[in-house]
Amino acid sequence: MALRERVQSWGGFLASMVVPNIGAFIAWGLITALFIPTGWLPNETYSKLVGPIIVNLLPILIGYTGGSVIYGHRGGVIGAVATMGAVVGSGIPQFLGGMIMGPTAAWLLKKLDDVLAPRVPVGFELLVNNFALGILGLFITLAAQTAVGPAVEAVSNVFGSAVSGLVDAGLLPLAALIVEPAKVLFLNNALNLGVLAPLGAAAAAESGRAIHFLLETNPGPGLGLLLAYWLVGKGFMKDSAPGSIIIHFFGGIHEIYFPYVLAHPIMLGALLAGGMTADTWFMVTDAGLVATPSPGSIFAYLAVIPQGWHVQVLGGVALGAIASFLVGSAILRAIPVKQPKALAKAGKSGIPGLA
């Protein structure tokens, strides 16, 4: 019981860095869905916003939020600065880097302030505080650029190599064991665009379709997870689930459901059940898409399904959602999610459905 509570508390803390920034994720998702070349209203000028937002803005927001949870505004400032080091030190979106550097930098600053506060002459508090943050921020940011950014990218590459190996070995259903945890850690874009999309492009050039495009982008497991929270869950996670379903399934922004897993890590089992069920169906029916759906919404899926293959593709989406829903519902009934204090505080941040 104690271990489960510690894991849930840790997950709630991670979720508390993301939940207050859901509005920014939605804004990025809408810009992506509307203006990228495969979007609803392709626009070359506005689509330039997509990359900088996901690479720079969103990780820094997460780093700031994580720092502020630990040490208020000062913690948020140094958390954002430190996260920038991870961003520059890597070629992938550093959501995980922000989750690491934000709280770490804020904790170190708090300890430094505790040491300096009794020793600062009256009238010099502001000067010392600013220089303390700036100098500590310098060293932490350099460390993040040198170590944390590359380390997170290395973890992403390990996940990608594992998925590629399973695909090459014909063990597609087991790919979900790598894909779903990687997605929850916000490594989904690196995994899809860095590994699965190139493999899929090569396969599609030969046969006209590729199963690789289905492995990470399938909205079914996430839909089932959110339905389970909506129908069986409690509190603000239940209340916010319907809106998240719209954003995830119809808007293709999978990041919206990741905090639901971080807040109750055992719900990863629902995603694994959905992913493995769907991937098994895709493998048995030889399903595939002609290109990677971008973003991963049901509408994008409909646009890239080969002619005559709708049953095979949509069947996998439906089965993934059903399996995820059934397992997720069983988990929530057996082990109800408790609202951690950090996440409860985030729920009062003005997010519709989370207050």
Foldseek 3Di string as FASTA:
>chain_A
DVVQVVQLLQLLLLLLLPLLCVVLLLVLLVLQQDDPPPHPPHDPVSVVVNVCCQLQVRLLSSLLRSLCLQPNNLLSVLSSLQLVLLSLLADARPNVLSNPSSNVLSVVLVVVCVVCVVPDDPPCVVVVSVVSSVVSSVVSSPCNSVPVNVVVVVVLVVLLVVLVVCVVVVNQLCNLVSQLVCVLSVSLVCNLVVHLQVVQQVVCVPVVWGCSLCQNLQLQLLLLLLVLCCVQADALSNQCSVVLNCCCAASLSSNSSSSVCSSNVVLSVLQSQLSSQLRVLCSVVVFGWNGRQGRSYPVSVVVTGPPPCCCSRVVSSNSSSVSSNVVNNVCCVVPPGDNHPSNLVSLPSPDPSSD
